[in-house]
Amino acid sequence: MTARPHPRRVIVDDTDPQIQYSASDHWILNADAGQWPFAGGNPDKSGQSGQPFRSTTHLAVSASSSLSFRFRGSSPQIFGTNINTLIGCFISGTGIPPIKWRPTRSNHMLQCDGTGFADEDGEYTVTLNASAVHPGPNALFWFDYITYIPSPSAPLETATLLVDSLDQAVVYTSGWQPAMNQGISTETDSSQFTFNFIGTSVTCVGFLPPQPLIFRAYNRHWTPP
């Protein structure tokens, strides 16, 4: 039996115009202590697990904060930073249980997982409600990004694709080992991996324990084959 290719996800930043926010006064883009005294600093500067994707987040500041995103594909996921804020997640009106974590300022934390609820390819709307009733230093929610598996027929010319460590196109030299659901790690000098791609740029994401995530971007001019 031929192994099923590991799916690549589209990643949609919180600033993408396709994401619909409930109201301008329900969310604050890149909130810091000056804009929202309880924020305690933008997670881009103070959060754990490295910077948010593209260094942007939306902070929920209302009991009616919500957002929605319509896409064609399957298995949507929502990521952010959550400290004791009640959230509700829905896929085309069907509720899915949010992921519960220990209260922390860690970034890149999975908040809602649509795997198992929207596995078939189709058109869906994923919605998140954040009940920031009393936002304060012990109750905060920052939204960072959405990922999903795109439909095979979806155009991807302008999309940002997430290629993780299990992707079959990533080729490793010797010395790499699985790292407990945190990717692939190595303690061997001169260990390398290669990834050939057609596009405009690639950003490599990793970390040196116990340091936060390290982002490295490499630009290449795209030449159609």
C-alpha atoms as a PDB file:
ATOM      1  CA  MET A   1       0.000   0.000   0.000  1.00  0.00           C
ATOM      2  CA  THR A   2       1.319   3.426  -0.918  1.00  0.00           C
ATOM      3  CA  ALA A   3       1.694   5.753   2.065  1.00  0.00           C
ATOM      4  CA  ARG A   4      -0.623   8.734   2.018  1.00  0.00           C
ATOM      5  CA  PRO A   5       1.328  11.966   1.502  1.00  0.00           C
ATOM      6  CA  HIS A   6       1.557  14.139   4.595  1.00  0.00           C
ATOM      7  CA  PRO A   7      -0.854  17.048   3.927  1.00  0.00           C
ATOM      8  CA  ARG A   8       0.431  20.596   3.735  1.00  0.00           C
ATOM      9  CA  ARG A   9      -1.715  23.202   5.411  1.00  0.00           C
ATOM     10  CA  VAL A  10      -2.515  26.744   4.373  1.00  0.00           C
ATOM     11  CA  ILE A  11      -1.734  29.212   7.157  1.00  0.00           C
ATOM     12  CA  VAL A  12      -3.877  32.369   7.361  1.00  0.00           C
ATOM     13  CA  ASP A  13      -2.558  35.256   9.465  1.00  0.00           C
ATOM     14  CA  ASP A  14      -4.809  37.271  11.780  1.00  0.00           C
ATOM     15  CA  THR A  15      -4.369  40.317   9.516  1.00  0.00           C
ATOM     16  CA  ASP A  16      -5.700  38.517   6.418  1.00  0.00           C
ATOM     17  CA  PRO A  17      -8.709  40.447   5.022  1.00  0.00           C
ATOM     18  CA  GLN A  18     -10.590  37.171   4.524  1.00  0.00           C
ATOM     19  CA  ILE A  19     -11.001  36.878   8.299  1.00  0.00           C
ATOM     20  CA  GLN A  20     -14.155  38.668   9.461  1.00  0.00           C
ATOM     21  CA  TYR A  21     -14.067  40.237  12.950  1.00  0.00           C
ATOM     22  CA  SER A  22     -17.224  41.010  14.944  1.00  0.00           C
ATOM     23  CA  ALA A  23     -16.499  44.742  15.384  1.00  0.00           C
ATOM     24  CA  SER A  24     -13.524  47.055  15.454  1.00  0.00           C
ATOM     25  CA  ASP A  25     -13.984  47.758  19.175  1.00  0.00           C
ATOM     26  CA  HIS A  26     -14.122  44.024  20.025  1.00  0.00           C
ATOM     27  CA  TRP A  27     -10.509  43.372  19.015  1.00  0.00           C
ATOM     28  CA  ILE A  28      -7.238  45.301  19.248  1.00  0.00           C
ATOM     29  CA  LEU A  29      -4.465  44.615  16.748  1.00  0.00           C
ATOM     30  CA  ASN A  30      -1.039  44.232  18.378  1.00  0.00           C
ATOM     31  CA  ALA A  31      -2.339  45.447  21.739  1.00  0.00           C
ATOM     32  CA  ASP A  32       0.239  46.624  24.223  1.00  0.00           C
ATOM     33  CA  ALA A  33       0.036  48.117  27.711  1.00  0.00           C
ATOM     34  CA  GLY A  34      -0.467  51.576  26.256  1.00  0.00           C
ATOM     35  CA  GLN A  35      -3.571  50.551  24.289  1.00  0.00           C
ATOM     36  CA  TRP A  36      -4.970  48.086  26.822  1.00  0.00           C
ATOM     37  CA  PRO A  37      -3.537  48.439  30.343  1.00  0.00           C
ATOM     38  CA  PHE A  38      -4.247  44.830  31.320  1.00  0.00           C
ATOM     39  CA  ALA A  39      -2.458  43.326  28.311  1.00  0.00           C
ATOM     40  CA  GLY A  40       0.888  43.272  30.088  1.00  0.00           C
ATOM     41  CA  GLY A  41       2.707  43.636  26.792  1.00  0.00           C
ATOM     42  CA  ASN A  42       2.277  42.407  23.253  1.00  0.00           C
ATOM     43  CA  PRO A  43       2.966  38.642  23.078  1.00  0.00           C
ATOM     44  CA  ASP A  44       5.354  39.489  20.243  1.00  0.00           C
ATOM     45  CA  LYS A  45       7.610  40.920  22.964  1.00  0.00           C
ATOM     46  CA  SER A  46       6.609  39.030  26.103  1.00  0.00           C
ATOM     47  CA  GLY A  47       5.051  35.742  25.037  1.00  0.00           C
ATOM     48  CA  GLN A  48       6.694  32.359  25.304  1.00  0.00           C
ATOM     49  CA  SER A  49       7.346  29.904  22.452  1.00  0.00           C
ATOM     50  CA  GLY A  50       8.685  32.591  20.152  1.00  0.00           C
ATOM     51  CA  GLN A  51       7.034  35.413  18.265  1.00  0.00           C
ATOM     52  CA  PRO A  52       3.493  35.100  16.892  1.00  0.00           C
ATOM     53  CA  PHE A  53       3.200  34.375  13.182  1.00  0.00           C
ATOM     54  CA  ARG A  54       4.341  37.480  11.306  1.00  0.00           C
ATOM     55  CA  SER A  55       4.540  39.249  14.688  1.00  0.00           C
ATOM     56  CA  THR A  56       0.831  40.152  14.760  1.00  0.00           C
ATOM     57  CA  THR A  57      -2.094  39.186  17.007  1.00  0.00           C
ATOM     58  CA  HIS A  58      -5.626  40.371  17.776  1.00  0.00           C
ATOM     59  CA  LEU A  59      -6.537  40.776  21.470  1.00  0.00           C
ATOM     60  CA  ALA A  60     -10.177  40.110  22.419  1.00  0.00           C
ATOM     61  CA  VAL A  61     -11.529  42.972  24.556  1.00  0.00           C
ATOM     62  CA  SER A  62     -15.293  42.367  24.544  1.00  0.00           C
ATOM     63  CA  ALA A  63     -17.755  39.802  25.870  1.00  0.00           C
ATOM     64  CA  SER A  64     -18.942  39.535  22.250  1.00  0.00           C
ATOM     65  CA  SER A  65     -15.592  39.192  20.494  1.00  0.00           C
ATOM     66  CA  SER A  66     -15.868  36.784  17.577  1.00  0.00           C
ATOM     67  CA  LEU A  67     -14.269  36.041  14.232  1.00  0.00           C
ATOM     68  CA  SER A  68     -15.086  33.855  11.253  1.00  0.00           C
ATOM     69  CA  PHE A  69     -13.273  32.541   8.195  1.00  0.00           C
ATOM     70  CA  ARG A  70     -14.719  30.799   5.146  1.00  0.00           C
ATOM     71  CA  PHE A  71     -12.568  28.355   3.201  1.00  0.00           C
ATOM     72  CA  ARG A  72     -12.637  25.360   0.883  1.00  0.00           C
ATOM     73  CA  GLY A  73     -10.799  22.355   2.253  1.00  0.00           C
ATOM     74  CA  SER A  74     -10.886  20.428   5.525  1.00  0.00           C
ATOM     75  CA  SER A  75      -9.650  20.122   9.126  1.00  0.00           C
ATOM     76  CA  PRO A  76      -9.330  23.768  10.241  1.00  0.00           C
ATOM     77  CA  GLN A  77      -7.306  24.676  13.316  1.00  0.00           C
ATOM     78  CA  ILE A  78      -7.119  27.954  15.271  1.00  0.00           C
ATOM     79  CA  PHE A  79      -3.985  29.065  17.141  1.00  0.00           C
ATOM     80  CA  GLY A  80      -3.372  31.786  19.695  1.00  0.00           C
ATOM     81  CA  THR A  81      -2.454  32.637  23.272  1.00  0.00           C
ATOM     82  CA  ASN A  82      -5.086  32.057  25.960  1.00  0.00           C
ATOM     83  CA  ILE A  83      -5.054  32.936  29.644  1.00  0.00           C
ATOM     84  CA  ASN A  84      -8.327  31.850  31.319  1.00  0.00           C
ATOM     85  CA  THR A  85     -10.631  33.153  28.570  1.00  0.00           C
ATOM     86  CA  LEU A  86     -13.708  31.101  27.673  1.00  0.00           C
ATOM     87  CA  ILE A  87     -13.819  30.433  23.936  1.00  0.00           C
ATOM     88  CA  GLY A  88     -16.305  28.651  21.716  1.00  0.00           C
ATOM     89  CA  CYS A  89     -15.451  27.094  18.349  1.00  0.00           C
ATOM     90  CA  PHE A  90     -17.844  26.213  15.537  1.00  0.00           C
ATOM     91  CA  ILE A  91     -17.568  24.750  12.044  1.00  0.00           C
ATOM     92  CA  SER A  92     -20.504  25.783   9.889  1.00  0.00           C
ATOM     93  CA  GLY A  93     -22.644  26.022  13.027  1.00  0.00           C
ATOM     94  CA  THR A  94     -21.517  22.770  14.666  1.00  0.00           C
ATOM     95  CA  GLY A  95     -19.729  23.237  17.970  1.00  0.00           C
ATOM     96  CA  ILE A  96     -16.332  21.634  18.539  1.00  0.00           C
ATOM     97  CA  PRO A  97     -14.632  21.424  21.941  1.00  0.00           C
ATOM     98  CA  PRO A  98     -11.850  23.960  22.512  1.00  0.00           C
ATOM     99  CA  ILE A  99      -8.430  22.742  23.585  1.00  0.00           C
ATOM    100  CA  LYS A 100      -7.790  23.306  27.284  1.00  0.00           C
ATOM    101  CA  TRP A 101      -4.304  24.291  28.368  1.00  0.00           C
ATOM    102  CA  ARG A 102      -2.687  25.386  31.594  1.00  0.00           C
ATOM    103  CA  PRO A 103      -2.960  29.228  31.697  1.00  0.00           C
ATOM    104  CA  THR A 104       0.199  30.522  30.047  1.00  0.00           C
ATOM    105  CA  ARG A 105       1.484  33.256  27.767  1.00  0.00           C
ATOM    106  CA  SER A 106       2.852  30.643  25.372  1.00  0.00           C
ATOM    107  CA  ASN A 107       2.263  31.503  21.728  1.00  0.00           C
ATOM    108  CA  HIS A 108       1.405  29.108  18.873  1.00  0.00           C
ATOM    109  CA  MET A 109      -0.970  27.111  21.091  1.00  0.00           C
ATOM    110  CA  LEU A 110      -3.734  25.137  19.370  1.00  0.00           C
ATOM    111  CA  GLN A 111      -7.079  26.533  20.582  1.00  0.00           C
ATOM    112  CA  CYS A 112      -9.614  24.742  18.347  1.00  0.00           C
ATOM    113  CA  ASP A 113      -9.111  21.593  16.268  1.00  0.00           C
ATOM    114  CA  GLY A 114     -11.557  20.778  13.489  1.00  0.00           C
ATOM    115  CA  THR A 115      -9.920  17.427  12.731  1.00  0.00           C
ATOM    116  CA  GLY A 116     -12.630  14.796  12.989  1.00  0.00           C
ATOM    117  CA  PHE A 117     -15.404  17.377  12.520  1.00  0.00           C
ATOM    118  CA  ALA A 118     -14.639  18.634   9.000  1.00  0.00           C
ATOM    119  CA  ASP A 119     -12.483  15.902   7.474  1.00  0.00           C
ATOM    120  CA  GLU A 120     -14.274  15.773   4.127  1.00  0.00           C
ATOM    121  CA  ASP A 121     -13.278  18.292   1.480  1.00  0.00           C
ATOM    122  CA  GLY A 122     -15.891  21.034   1.160  1.00  0.00           C
ATOM    123  CA  GLU A 123     -16.789  24.631   1.920  1.00  0.00           C
ATOM    124  CA  TYR A 124     -16.838  25.518   5.613  1.00  0.00           C
ATOM    125  CA  THR A 125     -16.984  28.528   7.887  1.00  0.00           C
ATOM    126  CA  VAL A 126     -14.961  28.290  11.070  1.00  0.00           C
ATOM    127  CA  THR A 127     -16.014  30.632  13.889  1.00  0.00           C
ATOM    128  CA  LEU A 128     -14.429  31.500  17.215  1.00  0.00           C
ATOM    129  CA  ASN A 129     -16.207  33.325  20.051  1.00  0.00           C
ATOM    130  CA  ALA A 130     -14.043  34.753  22.828  1.00  0.00           C
ATOM    131  CA  SER A 131     -16.000  35.818  25.907  1.00  0.00           C
ATOM    132  CA  ALA A 132     -13.635  38.456  27.262  1.00  0.00           C
ATOM    133  CA  VAL A 133     -16.165  39.510  29.919  1.00  0.00           C
ATOM    134  CA  HIS A 134     -13.606  40.918  32.351  1.00  0.00           C
ATOM    135  CA  PRO A 135     -10.318  41.121  30.457  1.00  0.00           C
ATOM    136  CA  GLY A 136      -7.451  41.586  32.879  1.00  0.00           C
ATOM    137  CA  PRO A 137      -3.990  40.253  33.659  1.00  0.00           C
ATOM    138  CA  ASN A 138      -5.462  36.817  34.474  1.00  0.00           C
ATOM    139  CA  ALA A 139      -7.959  36.590  31.589  1.00  0.00           C
ATOM    140  CA  LEU A 140      -6.634  37.381  28.112  1.00  0.00           C
ATOM    141  CA  PHE A 141      -6.977  35.895  24.638  1.00  0.00           C
ATOM    142  CA  TRP A 142      -4.872  36.746  21.598  1.00  0.00           C
ATOM    143  CA  PHE A 143      -5.821  35.254  18.205  1.00  0.00           C
ATOM    144  CA  ASP A 144      -2.841  34.530  15.939  1.00  0.00           C
ATOM    145  CA  TYR A 145      -3.667  32.392  12.879  1.00  0.00           C
ATOM    146  CA  ILE A 146      -5.796  29.671  11.247  1.00  0.00           C
ATOM    147  CA  THR A 147      -4.586  26.622   9.325  1.00  0.00           C
ATOM    148  CA  TYR A 148      -6.506  24.180   7.137  1.00  0.00           C
ATOM    149  CA  ILE A 149      -5.893  21.484   4.519  1.00  0.00           C
ATOM    150  CA  PRO A 150      -6.789  23.079   1.171  1.00  0.00           C
ATOM    151  CA  SER A 151      -9.034  21.479  -1.419  1.00  0.00           C
ATOM    152  CA  PRO A 152      -7.038  19.727  -4.189  1.00  0.00           C
ATOM    153  CA  SER A 153      -8.602  22.143  -6.685  1.00  0.00           C
ATOM    154  CA  ALA A 154      -7.968  25.297  -4.623  1.00  0.00           C
ATOM    155  CA  PRO A 155      -5.613  27.886  -6.164  1.00  0.00           C
ATOM    156  CA  LEU A 156      -2.505  28.301  -4.011  1.00  0.00           C
ATOM    157  CA  GLU A 157      -0.487  30.857  -5.979  1.00  0.00           C
ATOM    158  CA  THR A 158      -0.798  33.479  -3.224  1.00  0.00           C
ATOM    159  CA  ALA A 159      -1.200  31.139  -0.251  1.00  0.00           C
ATOM    160  CA  THR A 160       1.321  30.567   2.546  1.00  0.00           C
ATOM    161  CA  LEU A 161       1.861  26.837   3.022  1.00  0.00           C
ATOM    162  CA  LEU A 162       2.943  25.187   6.249  1.00  0.00           C
ATOM    163  CA  VAL A 163       5.543  22.477   5.585  1.00  0.00           C
ATOM    164  CA  ASP A 164       6.233  20.631   8.837  1.00  0.00           C
ATOM    165  CA  SER A 165       9.028  18.283   9.832  1.00  0.00           C
ATOM    166  CA  LEU A 166       7.121  15.180   8.630  1.00  0.00           C
ATOM    167  CA  ASP A 167       6.735  16.438   5.057  1.00  0.00           C
ATOM    168  CA  GLN A 168       8.085  13.910   2.569  1.00  0.00           C
ATOM    169  CA  ALA A 169       9.889  16.642   0.617  1.00  0.00           C
ATOM    170  CA  VAL A 170      12.099  17.497   3.615  1.00  0.00           C
ATOM    171  CA  VAL A 171      15.254  15.362   3.354  1.00  0.00           C
ATOM    172  CA  TYR A 172      17.449  14.908   6.445  1.00  0.00           C
ATOM    173  CA  THR A 173      21.050  13.856   6.835  1.00  0.00           C
ATOM    174  CA  SER A 174      21.979  11.426   9.610  1.00  0.00           C
ATOM    175  CA  GLY A 175      21.675  12.469  13.246  1.00  0.00           C
ATOM    176  CA  TRP A 176      18.061  13.659  13.356  1.00  0.00           C
ATOM    177  CA  GLN A 177      15.544  12.162  15.804  1.00  0.00           C
ATOM    178  CA  PRO A 178      11.835  12.747  16.658  1.00  0.00           C
ATOM    179  CA  ALA A 179      11.489  15.333  19.443  1.00  0.00           C
ATOM    180  CA  MET A 180       8.328  14.478  21.440  1.00  0.00           C
ATOM    181  CA  ASN A 181       5.733  16.162  19.199  1.00  0.00           C
ATOM    182  CA  GLN A 182       7.996  19.178  18.719  1.00  0.00           C
ATOM    183  CA  GLY A 183       9.414  18.272  15.330  1.00  0.00           C
ATOM    184  CA  ILE A 184      12.805  16.744  14.585  1.00  0.00           C
ATOM    185  CA  SER A 185      15.917  17.482  16.641  1.00  0.00           C
ATOM    186  CA  THR A 186      19.631  16.865  16.376  1.00  0.00           C
ATOM    187  CA  GLU A 187      22.675  17.098  18.609  1.00  0.00           C
ATOM    188  CA  THR A 188      25.060  16.223  15.779  1.00  0.00           C
ATOM    189  CA  ASP A 189      27.389  18.862  14.363  1.00  0.00           C
ATOM    190  CA  SER A 190      26.862  19.672  10.685  1.00  0.00           C
ATOM    191  CA  SER A 191      23.425  18.009  10.551  1.00  0.00           C
ATOM    192  CA  GLN A 192      21.433  19.354   7.622  1.00  0.00           C
ATOM    193  CA  PHE A 193      18.122  19.101   5.871  1.00  0.00           C
ATOM    194  CA  THR A 194      17.127  20.160   2.375  1.00  0.00           C
ATOM    195  CA  PHE A 195      13.808  21.226   0.924  1.00  0.00           C
ATOM    196  CA  ASN A 196      13.337  22.062  -2.750  1.00  0.00           C
ATOM    197  CA  PHE A 197      10.435  24.359  -3.561  1.00  0.00           C
ATOM    198  CA  ILE A 198       8.898  26.578  -6.215  1.00  0.00           C
ATOM    199  CA  GLY A 199       7.751  29.915  -4.835  1.00  0.00           C
ATOM    200  CA  THR A 200       8.959  33.287  -3.614  1.00  0.00           C
ATOM    201  CA  SER A 201      10.369  32.619  -0.130  1.00  0.00           C
ATOM    202  CA  VAL A 202      10.736  30.095   2.663  1.00  0.00           C
ATOM    203  CA  THR A 203      10.900  30.674   6.411  1.00  0.00           C
ATOM    204  CA  CYS A 204      12.606  28.072   8.587  1.00  0.00           C
ATOM    205  CA  VAL A 205      11.201  27.768  12.101  1.00  0.00           C
ATOM    206  CA  GLY A 206      12.943  25.996  14.975  1.00  0.00           C
ATOM    207  CA  PHE A 207      14.345  26.468  18.462  1.00  0.00           C
ATOM    208  CA  LEU A 208      17.313  25.747  20.696  1.00  0.00           C
ATOM    209  CA  PRO A 209      15.982  24.368  23.999  1.00  0.00           C
ATOM    210  CA  PRO A 210      15.208  26.069  26.290  1.00  0.00           C
ATOM    211  CA  GLN A 211      15.256  29.087  23.965  1.00  0.00           C
ATOM    212  CA  PRO A 212      12.114  30.305  22.118  1.00  0.00           C
ATOM    213  CA  LEU A 213      11.405  29.700  18.461  1.00  0.00           C
ATOM    214  CA  ILE A 214      13.912  30.967  15.923  1.00  0.00           C
ATOM    215  CA  PHE A 215      12.661  32.312  12.596  1.00  0.00           C
ATOM    216  CA  ARG A 216      14.936  32.493   9.551  1.00  0.00           C
ATOM    217  CA  ALA A 217      13.610  33.699   6.184  1.00  0.00           C
ATOM    218  CA  TYR A 218      15.222  33.050   2.805  1.00  0.00           C
ATOM    219  CA  ASN A 219      13.959  34.747  -0.335  1.00  0.00           C
ATOM    220  CA  ARG A 220      14.149  33.290  -3.813  1.00  0.00           C
ATOM    221  CA  HIS A 221      12.875  34.659  -7.092  1.00  0.00           C
ATOM    222  CA  TRP A 222      10.128  32.462  -8.464  1.00  0.00           C
ATOM    223  CA  THR A 223      10.596  31.192 -12.004  1.00  0.00           C
ATOM    224  CA  PRO A 224       7.671  29.231 -13.448  1.00  0.00           C
ATOM    225  CA  PRO A 225       8.780  25.744 -14.602  1.00  0.00           C
END
